[in-house]
C-alpha atoms as a PDB file:
ATOM      1  CA  UNK A   1     -50.559  -7.896 -32.234  1.00  0.00           C
ATOM      2  CA  UNK A   2     -47.268  -7.394 -30.944  1.00  0.00           C
ATOM      3  CA  UNK A   3     -44.697  -9.492 -32.864  1.00  0.00           C
ATOM      4  CA  UNK A   4     -41.520 -10.648 -30.993  1.00  0.00           C
ATOM      5  CA  UNK A   5     -39.128 -11.193 -33.908  1.00  0.00           C
ATOM      6  CA  UNK A   6     -37.190 -13.643 -31.520  1.00  0.00           C
ATOM      7  CA  UNK A   7     -40.036 -15.708 -30.755  1.00  0.00           C
ATOM      8  CA  UNK A   8     -40.921 -18.475 -33.434  1.00  0.00           C
ATOM      9  CA  UNK A   9     -44.029 -19.266 -31.733  1.00  0.00           C
ATOM     10  CA  UNK A  10     -45.535 -15.635 -32.526  1.00  0.00           C
ATOM     11  CA  UNK A  11     -44.059 -15.519 -36.043  1.00  0.00           C
ATOM     12  CA  UNK A  12     -46.170 -18.661 -36.971  1.00  0.00           C
ATOM     13  CA  UNK A  13     -48.921 -17.823 -34.814  1.00  0.00           C
ATOM     14  CA  UNK A  14     -51.651 -18.964 -37.240  1.00  0.00           C
ATOM     15  CA  UNK A  15     -50.436 -22.468 -37.691  1.00  0.00           C
ATOM     16  CA  UNK A  16     -52.716 -25.189 -36.384  1.00  0.00           C
ATOM     17  CA  UNK A  17     -49.989 -27.391 -34.660  1.00  0.00           C
ATOM     18  CA  UNK A  18     -49.151 -27.068 -31.008  1.00  0.00           C
ATOM     19  CA  UNK A  19     -45.969 -25.364 -30.349  1.00  0.00           C
ATOM     20  CA  UNK A  20     -43.111 -27.384 -29.535  1.00  0.00           C
ATOM     21  CA  UNK A  21     -41.827 -27.694 -26.227  1.00  0.00           C
ATOM     22  CA  UNK A  22     -38.451 -26.138 -25.611  1.00  0.00           C
ATOM     23  CA  UNK A  23     -35.696 -27.482 -23.647  1.00  0.00           C
ATOM     24  CA  UNK A  24     -35.070 -25.609 -20.374  1.00  0.00           C
ATOM     25  CA  UNK A  25     -32.274 -22.937 -20.980  1.00  0.00           C
ATOM     26  CA  UNK A  26     -29.022 -23.461 -19.252  1.00  0.00           C
ATOM     27  CA  UNK A  27     -27.810 -20.690 -17.153  1.00  0.00           C
ATOM     28  CA  UNK A  28     -25.482 -18.468 -18.863  1.00  0.00           C
ATOM     29  CA  UNK A  29     -21.886 -18.534 -17.581  1.00  0.00           C
ATOM     30  CA  UNK A  30     -20.623 -15.054 -16.287  1.00  0.00           C
ATOM     31  CA  UNK A  31     -18.222 -13.625 -18.920  1.00  0.00           C
ATOM     32  CA  UNK A  32     -14.922 -12.372 -17.648  1.00  0.00           C
ATOM     33  CA  UNK A  33     -13.516  -9.317 -19.282  1.00  0.00           C
ATOM     34  CA  UNK A  34     -16.886  -7.899 -19.911  1.00  0.00           C
ATOM     35  CA  UNK A  35     -15.959  -4.760 -18.383  1.00  0.00           C
ATOM     36  CA  UNK A  36     -13.293  -3.772 -21.036  1.00  0.00           C
ATOM     37  CA  UNK A  37     -15.748  -1.640 -22.830  1.00  0.00           C
ATOM     38  CA  UNK A  38     -16.727   0.286 -19.567  1.00  0.00           C
ATOM     39  CA  UNK A  39     -13.160   0.686 -18.645  1.00  0.00           C
ATOM     40  CA  UNK A  40     -12.456   2.332 -21.880  1.00  0.00           C
ATOM     41  CA  UNK A  41     -15.586   4.661 -21.397  1.00  0.00           C
ATOM     42  CA  UNK A  42     -14.233   5.522 -17.952  1.00  0.00           C
ATOM     43  CA  UNK A  43     -10.801   6.469 -19.558  1.00  0.00           C
ATOM     44  CA  UNK A  44     -12.157   8.457 -22.298  1.00  0.00           C
ATOM     45  CA  UNK A  45     -14.453  10.379 -19.717  1.00  0.00           C
ATOM     46  CA  UNK A  46     -11.365  11.167 -17.809  1.00  0.00           C
ATOM     47  CA  UNK A  47      -9.103  12.302 -20.650  1.00  0.00           C
ATOM     48  CA  UNK A  48     -10.698  16.057 -20.514  1.00  0.00           C
ATOM     49  CA  UNK A  49      -9.914  16.305 -16.696  1.00  0.00           C
ATOM     50  CA  UNK A  50      -6.502  14.608 -17.205  1.00  0.00           C
ATOM     51  CA  UNK A  51      -5.812  17.312 -19.452  1.00  0.00           C
ATOM     52  CA  UNK A  52      -7.260  20.066 -17.046  1.00  0.00           C
ATOM     53  CA  UNK A  53      -5.290  18.520 -14.256  1.00  0.00           C
ATOM     54  CA  UNK A  54      -1.991  18.824 -16.167  1.00  0.00           C
ATOM     55  CA  UNK A  55      -2.702  22.405 -17.317  1.00  0.00           C
ATOM     56  CA  UNK A  56      -3.388  23.869 -13.874  1.00  0.00           C
ATOM     57  CA  UNK A  57      -0.408  21.943 -12.315  1.00  0.00           C
ATOM     58  CA  UNK A  58       1.916  23.468 -14.876  1.00  0.00           C
ATOM     59  CA  UNK A  59       0.335  26.813 -14.493  1.00  0.00           C
ATOM     60  CA  UNK A  60       0.592  26.641 -10.685  1.00  0.00           C
ATOM     61  CA  UNK A  61       0.451  29.765  -8.542  1.00  0.00           C
ATOM     62  CA  UNK A  62      -2.937  31.815  -8.375  1.00  0.00           C
ATOM     63  CA  UNK A  63      -4.173  29.828 -11.249  1.00  0.00           C
ATOM     64  CA  UNK A  64      -3.894  26.553  -9.473  1.00  0.00           C
ATOM     65  CA  UNK A  65      -5.108  27.914  -6.120  1.00  0.00           C
ATOM     66  CA  UNK A  66      -8.193  29.139  -8.112  1.00  0.00           C
ATOM     67  CA  UNK A  67      -8.767  25.871  -9.655  1.00  0.00           C
ATOM     68  CA  UNK A  68      -8.677  24.170  -6.199  1.00  0.00           C
ATOM     69  CA  UNK A  69     -11.253  26.437  -4.730  1.00  0.00           C
ATOM     70  CA  UNK A  70     -13.466  26.074  -7.781  1.00  0.00           C
ATOM     71  CA  UNK A  71     -13.285  22.190  -7.355  1.00  0.00           C
ATOM     72  CA  UNK A  72     -13.880  22.777  -3.745  1.00  0.00           C
ATOM     73  CA  UNK A  73     -17.059  24.499  -4.493  1.00  0.00           C
ATOM     74  CA  UNK A  74     -18.430  21.980  -6.860  1.00  0.00           C
ATOM     75  CA  UNK A  75     -17.620  19.107  -4.419  1.00  0.00           C
ATOM     76  CA  UNK A  76     -19.153  20.823  -1.826  1.00  0.00           C
ATOM     77  CA  UNK A  77     -22.132  21.531  -3.662  1.00  0.00           C
ATOM     78  CA  UNK A  78     -22.477  17.545  -4.246  1.00  0.00           C
ATOM     79  CA  UNK A  79     -21.983  17.036  -0.652  1.00  0.00           C
ATOM     80  CA  UNK A  80     -24.423  19.408   0.527  1.00  0.00           C
ATOM     81  CA  UNK A  81     -27.059  17.980  -1.977  1.00  0.00           C
ATOM     82  CA  UNK A  82     -26.489  14.525  -0.516  1.00  0.00           C
ATOM     83  CA  UNK A  83     -26.759  15.503   3.100  1.00  0.00           C
ATOM     84  CA  UNK A  84     -29.495  18.173   2.706  1.00  0.00           C
ATOM     85  CA  UNK A  85     -31.707  16.320   4.974  1.00  0.00           C
ATOM     86  CA  UNK A  86     -29.284  17.093   7.776  1.00  0.00           C
ATOM     87  CA  UNK A  87     -29.553  20.651   7.096  1.00  0.00           C
ATOM     88  CA  UNK A  88     -26.084  21.128   6.294  1.00  0.00           C
ATOM     89  CA  UNK A  89     -24.769  24.586   6.612  1.00  0.00           C
ATOM     90  CA  UNK A  90     -23.695  25.178   3.057  1.00  0.00           C
ATOM     91  CA  UNK A  91     -22.537  28.925   3.396  1.00  0.00           C
ATOM     92  CA  UNK A  92     -19.960  28.507   6.259  1.00  0.00           C
ATOM     93  CA  UNK A  93     -18.647  25.286   4.420  1.00  0.00           C
ATOM     94  CA  UNK A  94     -17.786  27.109   1.271  1.00  0.00           C
ATOM     95  CA  UNK A  95     -16.325  29.888   3.035  1.00  0.00           C
ATOM     96  CA  UNK A  96     -14.177  27.617   5.158  1.00  0.00           C
ATOM     97  CA  UNK A  97     -12.943  25.379   2.114  1.00  0.00           C
ATOM     98  CA  UNK A  98     -12.179  28.665   0.256  1.00  0.00           C
ATOM     99  CA  UNK A  99     -10.231  29.946   3.201  1.00  0.00           C
ATOM    100  CA  UNK A 100      -8.385  26.921   3.489  1.00  0.00           C
ATOM    101  CA  UNK A 101      -7.067  26.990   0.160  1.00  0.00           C
ATOM    102  CA  UNK A 102      -6.095  30.640   0.311  1.00  0.00           C
ATOM    103  CA  UNK A 103      -4.371  29.946   3.467  1.00  0.00           C
ATOM    104  CA  UNK A 104      -2.313  27.105   1.926  1.00  0.00           C
ATOM    105  CA  UNK A 105      -1.367  29.446  -0.831  1.00  0.00           C
ATOM    106  CA  UNK A 106      -0.522  32.452   0.778  1.00  0.00           C
ATOM    107  CA  UNK A 107       0.607  31.074   4.115  1.00  0.00           C
ATOM    108  CA  UNK A 108       1.768  27.770   5.525  1.00  0.00           C
ATOM    109  CA  UNK A 109       0.475  24.781   7.537  1.00  0.00           C
ATOM    110  CA  UNK A 110      -0.129  26.952  10.698  1.00  0.00           C
ATOM    111  CA  UNK A 111      -2.242  29.249   8.813  1.00  0.00           C
ATOM    112  CA  UNK A 112      -4.480  26.507   7.530  1.00  0.00           C
ATOM    113  CA  UNK A 113      -4.579  25.471  11.160  1.00  0.00           C
ATOM    114  CA  UNK A 114      -5.728  28.706  12.195  1.00  0.00           C
ATOM    115  CA  UNK A 115      -8.349  28.801   9.519  1.00  0.00           C
ATOM    116  CA  UNK A 116      -9.540  25.318  10.548  1.00  0.00           C
ATOM    117  CA  UNK A 117      -9.928  26.527  14.211  1.00  0.00           C
ATOM    118  CA  UNK A 118     -11.941  29.494  13.010  1.00  0.00           C
ATOM    119  CA  UNK A 119     -14.451  27.381  11.411  1.00  0.00           C
ATOM    120  CA  UNK A 120     -15.878  26.449  14.737  1.00  0.00           C
ATOM    121  CA  UNK A 121     -17.119  30.025  15.714  1.00  0.00           C
ATOM    122  CA  UNK A 122     -18.153  30.425  12.184  1.00  0.00           C
ATOM    123  CA  UNK A 123     -20.373  27.316  12.188  1.00  0.00           C
ATOM    124  CA  UNK A 124     -21.772  28.271  15.413  1.00  0.00           C
ATOM    125  CA  UNK A 125     -22.751  31.872  14.259  1.00  0.00           C
ATOM    126  CA  UNK A 126     -24.793  30.097  11.385  1.00  0.00           C
ATOM    127  CA  UNK A 127     -26.154  27.245  13.550  1.00  0.00           C
ATOM    128  CA  UNK A 128     -27.301  29.392  16.506  1.00  0.00           C
ATOM    129  CA  UNK A 129     -29.953  30.928  14.262  1.00  0.00           C
ATOM    130  CA  UNK A 130     -33.430  30.199  15.002  1.00  0.00           C
ATOM    131  CA  UNK A 131     -34.210  28.094  11.878  1.00  0.00           C
ATOM    132  CA  UNK A 132     -31.236  26.030  12.551  1.00  0.00           C
ATOM    133  CA  UNK A 133     -31.103  25.419  16.287  1.00  0.00           C
ATOM    134  CA  UNK A 134     -33.077  22.237  16.165  1.00  0.00           C
ATOM    135  CA  UNK A 135     -30.735  19.427  15.318  1.00  0.00           C
ATOM    136  CA  UNK A 136     -27.826  21.741  15.502  1.00  0.00           C
ATOM    137  CA  UNK A 137     -25.364  18.836  16.852  1.00  0.00           C
ATOM    138  CA  UNK A 138     -25.826  16.710  13.746  1.00  0.00           C
ATOM    139  CA  UNK A 139     -25.917  19.738  11.232  1.00  0.00           C
ATOM    140  CA  UNK A 140     -22.504  20.827  12.721  1.00  0.00           C
ATOM    141  CA  UNK A 141     -21.089  17.419  12.668  1.00  0.00           C
ATOM    142  CA  UNK A 142     -21.981  16.757   9.068  1.00  0.00           C
ATOM    143  CA  UNK A 143     -20.896  20.197   7.782  1.00  0.00           C
ATOM    144  CA  UNK A 144     -17.490  19.781   9.632  1.00  0.00           C
ATOM    145  CA  UNK A 145     -16.999  16.236   8.048  1.00  0.00           C
ATOM    146  CA  UNK A 146     -17.594  18.021   4.536  1.00  0.00           C
ATOM    147  CA  UNK A 147     -15.110  20.815   5.178  1.00  0.00           C
ATOM    148  CA  UNK A 148     -12.272  18.142   6.446  1.00  0.00           C
ATOM    149  CA  UNK A 149     -12.927  15.618   3.818  1.00  0.00           C
ATOM    150  CA  UNK A 150     -12.791  18.112   0.837  1.00  0.00           C
ATOM    151  CA  UNK A 151     -10.869  21.233   2.412  1.00  0.00           C
ATOM    152  CA  UNK A 152      -7.871  19.535   3.789  1.00  0.00           C
ATOM    153  CA  UNK A 153      -6.915  17.575   0.686  1.00  0.00           C
ATOM    154  CA  UNK A 154      -7.329  20.497  -1.418  1.00  0.00           C
ATOM    155  CA  UNK A 155      -4.878  22.341   0.651  1.00  0.00           C
ATOM    156  CA  UNK A 156      -2.366  19.386   0.489  1.00  0.00           C
ATOM    157  CA  UNK A 157      -2.555  19.663  -3.148  1.00  0.00           C
ATOM    158  CA  UNK A 158      -1.593  23.226  -2.810  1.00  0.00           C
ATOM    159  CA  UNK A 159       1.333  22.471  -0.583  1.00  0.00           C
ATOM    160  CA  UNK A 160       2.433  19.623  -2.850  1.00  0.00           C
ATOM    161  CA  UNK A 161       2.503  21.782  -5.915  1.00  0.00           C
ATOM    162  CA  UNK A 162       4.366  24.550  -4.182  1.00  0.00           C
ATOM    163  CA  UNK A 163       7.228  22.204  -3.104  1.00  0.00           C
ATOM    164  CA  UNK A 164      10.323  23.936  -4.686  1.00  0.00           C
ATOM    165  CA  UNK A 165      11.838  22.673  -7.996  1.00  0.00           C
ATOM    166  CA  UNK A 166       9.762  19.338  -8.064  1.00  0.00           C
ATOM    167  CA  UNK A 167       6.230  20.145  -6.554  1.00  0.00           C
ATOM    168  CA  UNK A 168       4.451  20.128 -10.131  1.00  0.00           C
ATOM    169  CA  UNK A 169       6.149  16.720 -11.089  1.00  0.00           C
ATOM    170  CA  UNK A 170       5.388  15.088  -7.752  1.00  0.00           C
ATOM    171  CA  UNK A 171       1.893  15.979  -8.150  1.00  0.00           C
ATOM    172  CA  UNK A 172       1.424  14.794 -11.716  1.00  0.00           C
ATOM    173  CA  UNK A 173       3.082  11.539 -10.415  1.00  0.00           C
ATOM    174  CA  UNK A 174       0.551  11.379  -7.452  1.00  0.00           C
ATOM    175  CA  UNK A 175      -2.373  11.791  -9.921  1.00  0.00           C
ATOM    176  CA  UNK A 176      -1.065   9.252 -12.285  1.00  0.00           C
ATOM    177  CA  UNK A 177      -0.476   6.774  -9.723  1.00  0.00           C
ATOM    178  CA  UNK A 178      -4.052   7.148  -8.289  1.00  0.00           C
ATOM    179  CA  UNK A 179      -5.733   7.100 -11.824  1.00  0.00           C
ATOM    180  CA  UNK A 180      -3.716   3.974 -12.717  1.00  0.00           C
ATOM    181  CA  UNK A 181      -4.628   2.090  -9.477  1.00  0.00           C
ATOM    182  CA  UNK A 182      -8.182   3.065  -9.773  1.00  0.00           C
ATOM    183  CA  UNK A 183      -8.596   1.951 -13.224  1.00  0.00           C
ATOM    184  CA  UNK A 184      -6.534  -1.185 -12.894  1.00  0.00           C
ATOM    185  CA  UNK A 185      -8.471  -2.334  -9.759  1.00  0.00           C
ATOM    186  CA  UNK A 186     -11.463  -1.568 -11.781  1.00  0.00           C
ATOM    187  CA  UNK A 187     -10.175  -3.768 -14.877  1.00  0.00           C
ATOM    188  CA  UNK A 188      -8.577  -6.623 -12.894  1.00  0.00           C
ATOM    189  CA  UNK A 189     -11.802  -6.941 -10.655  1.00  0.00           C
ATOM    190  CA  UNK A 190     -14.320  -7.246 -13.541  1.00  0.00           C
ATOM    191  CA  UNK A 191     -12.046  -9.880 -15.164  1.00  0.00           C
ATOM    192  CA  UNK A 192     -10.707 -12.068 -12.400  1.00  0.00           C
ATOM    193  CA  UNK A 193     -12.483 -10.742  -9.225  1.00  0.00           C
ATOM    194  CA  UNK A 194     -14.615 -13.177  -7.205  1.00  0.00           C
ATOM    195  CA  UNK A 195     -13.537 -12.588  -3.572  1.00  0.00           C
ATOM    196  CA  UNK A 196     -15.386  -9.563  -2.073  1.00  0.00           C
ATOM    197  CA  UNK A 197     -13.707  -7.246   0.091  1.00  0.00           C
ATOM    198  CA  UNK A 198     -16.532  -5.292   1.637  1.00  0.00           C
ATOM    199  CA  UNK A 199     -19.927  -6.183   0.261  1.00  0.00           C
ATOM    200  CA  UNK A 200     -21.716  -4.072   2.602  1.00  0.00           C
ATOM    201  CA  UNK A 201     -20.094  -1.045   1.518  1.00  0.00           C
ATOM    202  CA  UNK A 202     -19.140  -1.667  -2.135  1.00  0.00           C
ATOM    203  CA  UNK A 203     -20.219  -5.177  -3.444  1.00  0.00           C
ATOM    204  CA  UNK A 204     -18.116  -4.594  -6.678  1.00  0.00           C
ATOM    205  CA  UNK A 205     -14.916  -4.485  -4.827  1.00  0.00           C
ATOM    206  CA  UNK A 206     -12.808  -7.631  -4.954  1.00  0.00           C
ATOM    207  CA  UNK A 207      -9.474  -8.751  -3.523  1.00  0.00           C
ATOM    208  CA  UNK A 208      -8.067  -9.466  -6.915  1.00  0.00           C
ATOM    209  CA  UNK A 209      -9.175  -5.862  -8.104  1.00  0.00           C
ATOM    210  CA  UNK A 210      -7.408  -4.428  -5.013  1.00  0.00           C
ATOM    211  CA  UNK A 211      -4.226  -6.594  -5.750  1.00  0.00           C
ATOM    212  CA  UNK A 212      -4.143  -5.504  -9.415  1.00  0.00           C
ATOM    213  CA  UNK A 213      -4.577  -1.787  -8.615  1.00  0.00           C
ATOM    214  CA  UNK A 214      -2.002  -1.951  -5.996  1.00  0.00           C
ATOM    215  CA  UNK A 215       0.513  -3.663  -8.147  1.00  0.00           C
ATOM    216  CA  UNK A 216      -0.209  -1.676 -11.459  1.00  0.00           C
ATOM    217  CA  UNK A 217      -0.630   1.435  -9.678  1.00  0.00           C
ATOM    218  CA  UNK A 218       2.540   1.226  -7.861  1.00  0.00           C
ATOM    219  CA  UNK A 219       4.234   0.786 -11.251  1.00  0.00           C
ATOM    220  CA  UNK A 220       2.460   3.454 -12.845  1.00  0.00           C
ATOM    221  CA  UNK A 221       4.133   5.777 -10.274  1.00  0.00           C
ATOM    222  CA  UNK A 222       7.337   4.379 -10.874  1.00  0.00           C
ATOM    223  CA  UNK A 223       7.162   4.423 -14.468  1.00  0.00           C
ATOM    224  CA  UNK A 224       6.228   8.188 -14.271  1.00  0.00           C
ATOM    225  CA  UNK A 225       9.260   8.835 -12.071  1.00  0.00           C
ATOM    226  CA  UNK A 226      11.488   7.145 -14.668  1.00  0.00           C
ATOM    227  CA  UNK A 227      12.021  10.330 -16.328  1.00  0.00           C
ATOM    228  CA  UNK A 228      12.869  12.282 -13.253  1.00  0.00           C
ATOM    229  CA  UNK A 229      16.411  11.937 -12.441  1.00  0.00           C
ATOM    230  CA  UNK A 230      16.069  13.547  -9.112  1.00  0.00           C
ATOM    231  CA  UNK A 231      13.730  10.760  -8.076  1.00  0.00           C
ATOM    232  CA  UNK A 232      15.095   7.478  -7.409  1.00  0.00           C
ATOM    233  CA  UNK A 233      13.664   4.219  -8.500  1.00  0.00           C
ATOM    234  CA  UNK A 234      13.377   2.893  -4.666  1.00  0.00           C
ATOM    235  CA  UNK A 235      11.760   6.197  -3.757  1.00  0.00           C
ATOM    236  CA  UNK A 236       9.217   5.982  -6.521  1.00  0.00           C
ATOM    237  CA  UNK A 237       8.242   2.553  -5.652  1.00  0.00           C
ATOM    238  CA  UNK A 238       7.891   3.587  -1.951  1.00  0.00           C
ATOM    239  CA  UNK A 239       5.543   6.638  -2.701  1.00  0.00           C
ATOM    240  CA  UNK A 240       3.964   4.662  -5.451  1.00  0.00           C
ATOM    241  CA  UNK A 241       3.063   1.721  -3.245  1.00  0.00           C
ATOM    242  CA  UNK A 242       1.815   4.354  -0.630  1.00  0.00           C
ATOM    243  CA  UNK A 243      -0.574   5.984  -3.063  1.00  0.00           C
ATOM    244  CA  UNK A 244      -1.794   2.841  -4.602  1.00  0.00           C
ATOM    245  CA  UNK A 245      -2.539   1.162  -1.135  1.00  0.00           C
ATOM    246  CA  UNK A 246      -4.331   4.412  -0.073  1.00  0.00           C
ATOM    247  CA  UNK A 247      -6.395   4.852  -3.087  1.00  0.00           C
ATOM    248  CA  UNK A 248      -8.919   2.126  -2.281  1.00  0.00           C
ATOM    249  CA  UNK A 249      -9.524   3.400   1.092  1.00  0.00           C
ATOM    250  CA  UNK A 250     -10.662   6.702  -0.134  1.00  0.00           C
ATOM    251  CA  UNK A 251     -13.105   4.881  -2.565  1.00  0.00           C
ATOM    252  CA  UNK A 252     -14.323   2.733   0.111  1.00  0.00           C
ATOM    253  CA  UNK A 253     -14.700   5.840   2.524  1.00  0.00           C
ATOM    254  CA  UNK A 254     -16.975   7.707  -0.157  1.00  0.00           C
ATOM    255  CA  UNK A 255     -18.873   4.542  -0.625  1.00  0.00           C
ATOM    256  CA  UNK A 256     -19.806   4.073   2.983  1.00  0.00           C
ATOM    257  CA  UNK A 257     -21.126   7.703   2.830  1.00  0.00           C
ATOM    258  CA  UNK A 258     -23.203   7.104  -0.201  1.00  0.00           C
ATOM    259  CA  UNK A 259     -24.547   3.826   1.300  1.00  0.00           C
ATOM    260  CA  UNK A 260     -25.319   5.410   4.382  1.00  0.00           C
ATOM    261  CA  UNK A 261     -27.011   8.486   2.613  1.00  0.00           C
ATOM    262  CA  UNK A 262     -28.937   6.076   0.441  1.00  0.00           C
ATOM    263  CA  UNK A 263     -27.399   7.606  -3.018  1.00  0.00           C
ATOM    264  CA  UNK A 264     -25.660   5.849  -6.006  1.00  0.00           C
ATOM    265  CA  UNK A 265     -23.792   8.941  -7.289  1.00  0.00           C
ATOM    266  CA  UNK A 266     -22.590  12.033  -5.802  1.00  0.00           C
ATOM    267  CA  UNK A 267     -23.784  14.100  -8.848  1.00  0.00           C
ATOM    268  CA  UNK A 268     -24.078  14.252 -12.493  1.00  0.00           C
ATOM    269  CA  UNK A 269     -21.215  16.203 -13.879  1.00  0.00           C
ATOM    270  CA  UNK A 270     -19.973  12.949 -15.543  1.00  0.00           C
ATOM    271  CA  UNK A 271     -23.150  11.750 -16.683  1.00  0.00           C
ATOM    272  CA  UNK A 272     -23.547   7.937 -16.251  1.00  0.00           C
ATOM    273  CA  UNK A 273     -20.182   7.870 -14.304  1.00  0.00           C
ATOM    274  CA  UNK A 274     -21.308  10.186 -11.281  1.00  0.00           C
ATOM    275  CA  UNK A 275     -20.195  13.451 -10.012  1.00  0.00           C
ATOM    276  CA  UNK A 276     -16.822  15.007  -9.167  1.00  0.00           C
ATOM    277  CA  UNK A 277     -16.742  13.441  -5.695  1.00  0.00           C
ATOM    278  CA  UNK A 278     -17.083  10.121  -7.316  1.00  0.00           C
ATOM    279  CA  UNK A 279     -13.656  11.045  -9.461  1.00  0.00           C
ATOM    280  CA  UNK A 280     -11.917  12.563  -6.626  1.00  0.00           C
ATOM    281  CA  UNK A 281     -12.624  10.120  -3.659  1.00  0.00           C
ATOM    282  CA  UNK A 282      -9.235   8.237  -3.918  1.00  0.00           C
ATOM    283  CA  UNK A 283      -7.400  11.584  -4.664  1.00  0.00           C
ATOM    284  CA  UNK A 284      -8.481  13.083  -1.583  1.00  0.00           C
ATOM    285  CA  UNK A 285      -6.695  10.405   0.390  1.00  0.00           C
ATOM    286  CA  UNK A 286      -3.710   9.891  -2.025  1.00  0.00           C
ATOM    287  CA  UNK A 287      -2.757  13.470  -2.368  1.00  0.00           C
ATOM    288  CA  UNK A 288      -2.323  13.879   1.584  1.00  0.00           C
ATOM    289  CA  UNK A 289      -0.055  10.643   1.845  1.00  0.00           C
ATOM    290  CA  UNK A 290       1.628  11.794  -1.174  1.00  0.00           C
ATOM    291  CA  UNK A 291       2.686  15.224   0.033  1.00  0.00           C
ATOM    292  CA  UNK A 292       4.128  13.909   3.326  1.00  0.00           C
ATOM    293  CA  UNK A 293       6.242  11.172   1.648  1.00  0.00           C
ATOM    294  CA  UNK A 294       7.348  13.479  -0.860  1.00  0.00           C
ATOM    295  CA  UNK A 295       8.550  15.719   1.769  1.00  0.00           C
ATOM    296  CA  UNK A 296      10.020  13.022   3.778  1.00  0.00           C
ATOM    297  CA  UNK A 297      11.731  11.122   0.907  1.00  0.00           C
ATOM    298  CA  UNK A 298      12.567  13.974  -1.968  1.00  0.00           C
ATOM    299  CA  UNK A 299      13.448  16.728   0.557  1.00  0.00           C
END
């Protein structure tokens, strides 16, 4: 006989008297702050990748470009896996993203534009084959979305790192602002959140988390800039506010895709915390706005 150690009736099953009626249980109140342990886990999982990001940023040059290609390949692998039912054209997608990063490293924005334009005949070449002609329109569209979503931000990361004198510091500032905004939004949303932002896309996102992430993320960028005498406090607040405001858009964009594709996580690289795309969704948006604002404000 199975014994439940938390059930008195089963422990004293052999007694003759009838079990006493128990009063109905009152519903437990939702405990705020229950996500603190999960927040710590998220930070611990991210620590090795923070070290990795700092290392490749400091190294710069070919090391940084090669790292961007590697990240692009992994991210595209997850994307191709999620969209496999649409017959995503994996080979031209890998070639295009790698070529975009190479063009950004060795060339300029014009070279990146040339490569992006060249992806169309490349995609046509692969889609025109007999086994891909059926459903080619959807296949081309889905593949192009992956190239732009993943490849374009990686080229901007190369551009930002390549800015003279302060590129490495600005890139780290953007990553710090993004990480702080994302973590703060998660923590404040778990502790105080009650008003949903987009329940049909991401049911756990709340207005309180959005505000907390924006304020703390902005201050995180500003704090990182305190030790950079070439970056004024006003400029740091301006860039930090833009980064913190755009970060949740990147998160919600990925949530929309995952909801449409019927998947919870993009991969298993981070175990229960999902895949690489789950960790870079906000960065893919903040790195772009961070580059253009850095050029406009600092240079």
